[in-house]
Amino acid sequence: MKAQKTITQELQHIGTTEYTIQVDLLFPKGYSLVTPLHANRLHVSYEHEERPGEQQSHIIREDPEFPIGVPVRSKGEDAVILIDYEFTYVKDDAPEKELKTHVQYKLPVKVEDSGNEEIFLSATLPLDEL
């Protein structure tokens, strides 16, 4: 699955191999999600930092309600978390014209003794850029 737009976030530090990713993706004013819809999917996968392209796991949530928490159990390795949201939306001034796209966020994660047990992604989807 190729994203229409990929956004790389800042490195996040996590203190344990079991943590939660808190995702809150918001629609900008003037846009609305078409829901409920089977095709609206949130994909969360994890790539090894040392071996790009090799996924550790893949989680799919259909028609998610945000904010959503996704539990992670890693092997203690640094990784890049890929959050790929595929969805159908409309511009509020043209609700008859449905648009489908997806946006991918890359969250690099470093496992170290930081005491942190959560990673946060709170973002407004860049629909005006697509």
Protein backbone atom coordinates (compact mmCIF):
# COMPACT_ATOMS: atom_id res chain seq x y z
CA MET A 1 0.00 0.00 0.00
CA LYS A 2 1.53 3.32 -1.08
CA ALA A 3 0.57 6.49 0.74
CA GLN A 4 -0.47 9.62 -1.09
CA LYS A 5 1.51 11.59 1.47
CA THR A 6 4.17 10.45 3.94
CA ILE A 7 5.03 12.53 6.99
CA THR A 8 8.03 11.71 9.19
CA GLN A 9 7.70 12.63 12.85
CA GLU A 10 10.47 13.32 15.37
CA LEU A 11 12.26 10.46 17.12
CA GLN A 12 10.34 9.21 20.15
CA HIS A 13 11.93 7.50 23.14
CA ILE A 14 10.25 4.56 24.83
CA GLY A 15 11.36 2.90 28.08
CA THR A 16 9.94 -0.57 27.66
CA THR A 17 9.39 -3.29 25.09
CA GLU A 18 5.61 -3.21 25.75
CA TYR A 19 4.00 0.14 25.09
CA THR A 20 0.97 1.81 23.55
CA ILE A 21 0.72 4.04 20.50
CA GLN A 22 -2.00 6.65 21.04
CA VAL A 23 -3.23 7.83 17.62
CA ASP A 24 -5.55 10.80 17.13
CA LEU A 25 -5.99 11.79 13.48
CA LEU A 26 -8.27 14.76 12.90
CA PHE A 27 -10.02 16.09 9.81
CA PRO A 28 -9.45 19.77 9.03
CA LYS A 29 -12.41 22.13 8.98
CA GLY A 30 -14.37 21.74 5.75
CA TYR A 31 -13.79 17.97 5.38
CA SER A 32 -15.69 14.96 6.72
CA LEU A 33 -15.09 11.23 6.89
CA VAL A 34 -17.52 8.96 5.03
CA THR A 35 -18.50 6.42 7.68
CA PRO A 36 -19.19 3.67 8.50
CA LEU A 37 -17.20 2.20 5.66
CA HIS A 38 -15.34 -1.11 5.43
CA ALA A 39 -12.59 0.53 3.33
CA ASN A 40 -11.60 3.00 6.10
CA ARG A 41 -8.58 1.27 7.61
CA LEU A 42 -5.79 2.14 9.97
CA HIS A 43 -2.63 0.06 9.35
CA VAL A 44 0.11 0.00 11.97
CA SER A 45 3.34 -1.82 11.17
CA TYR A 46 6.88 -1.79 12.51
CA GLU A 47 10.08 -1.86 10.52
CA HIS A 48 13.46 -2.77 11.94
CA GLU A 49 15.69 0.30 12.10
CA GLU A 50 18.69 -1.77 10.98
CA ARG A 51 16.81 -3.70 8.25
CA PRO A 52 14.41 -1.30 6.46
CA GLY A 53 11.57 -3.03 4.63
CA GLU A 54 11.43 -5.95 7.07
CA GLN A 55 8.26 -5.70 9.13
CA GLN A 56 8.05 -6.95 12.70
CA SER A 57 4.24 -7.09 12.65
CA HIS A 58 1.14 -5.55 11.09
CA ILE A 59 -2.10 -4.49 12.81
CA ILE A 60 -5.26 -3.38 10.98
CA ARG A 61 -8.23 -1.56 12.53
CA GLU A 62 -11.29 -1.15 10.31
CA ASP A 63 -13.28 2.08 10.56
CA PRO A 64 -11.40 3.22 13.70
CA GLU A 65 -12.73 5.83 16.07
CA PHE A 66 -10.06 8.30 17.17
CA PRO A 67 -8.33 8.57 19.50
CA ILE A 68 -7.32 4.93 19.45
CA GLY A 69 -4.69 3.04 21.43
CA VAL A 70 -2.68 0.28 19.76
CA PRO A 71 -0.66 -2.03 22.03
CA VAL A 72 2.88 -2.88 20.93
CA ARG A 73 5.16 -5.68 22.06
CA SER A 74 8.65 -5.35 20.59
CA LYS A 75 11.86 -7.30 20.93
CA GLY A 76 13.56 -4.26 22.41
CA GLU A 77 14.86 -3.09 19.06
CA ASP A 78 14.73 0.44 17.72
CA ALA A 79 12.13 0.64 14.97
CA VAL A 80 10.17 2.85 12.63
CA ILE A 81 6.44 2.64 13.28
CA LEU A 82 4.37 3.13 10.14
CA ILE A 83 0.86 4.45 10.68
CA ASP A 84 -1.02 4.31 7.40
CA TYR A 85 -4.61 5.59 7.37
CA GLU A 86 -6.68 4.77 4.29
CA PHE A 87 -10.08 6.46 4.14
CA THR A 88 -12.89 7.96 2.09
CA TYR A 89 -13.85 11.58 2.72
CA VAL A 90 -15.80 14.48 1.26
CA LYS A 91 -15.45 18.21 1.16
CA ASP A 92 -18.37 19.61 3.10
CA ASP A 93 -19.30 21.93 0.22
CA ALA A 94 -19.41 18.97 -2.24
CA PRO A 95 -20.71 15.95 -0.26
CA GLU A 96 -21.73 14.07 -3.42
CA LYS A 97 -18.09 13.72 -4.54
CA GLU A 98 -16.32 11.07 -2.45
CA LEU A 99 -12.52 11.11 -2.40
CA LYS A 100 -10.31 8.21 -1.32
CA THR A 101 -6.73 8.51 -0.17
CA HIS A 102 -4.32 7.54 2.55
CA VAL A 103 -1.70 9.28 4.60
CA GLN A 104 1.31 7.57 6.18
CA TYR A 105 3.14 8.74 9.27
CA LYS A 106 6.61 7.43 10.13
CA LEU A 107 7.44 7.45 13.83
CA PRO A 108 11.04 6.48 14.58
CA VAL A 109 11.27 4.87 18.03
CA LYS A 110 14.32 4.36 20.23
CA VAL A 111 14.06 1.88 23.10
CA GLU A 112 15.99 3.12 26.12
CA ASP A 113 15.50 3.58 29.83
CA SER A 114 13.27 6.65 29.58
CA GLY A 115 10.38 5.38 31.72
CA ASN A 116 7.92 6.31 28.97
CA GLU A 117 5.23 3.73 28.11
CA GLU A 118 3.28 5.61 25.43
CA ILE A 119 3.92 7.15 22.03
CA PHE A 120 1.59 9.84 20.78
CA LEU A 121 0.57 10.83 17.28
CA SER A 122 -1.92 13.67 17.19
CA ALA A 123 -2.22 15.31 13.80
CA THR A 124 -4.61 17.04 11.46
CA LEU A 125 -4.74 15.12 8.19
CA PRO A 126 -3.18 17.20 5.37
CA LEU A 127 -6.17 16.92 3.03
CA ASP A 128 -5.68 20.38 1.54
CA GLU A 129 -2.26 19.21 0.27
CA LEU A 130 -3.56 16.13 -1.58
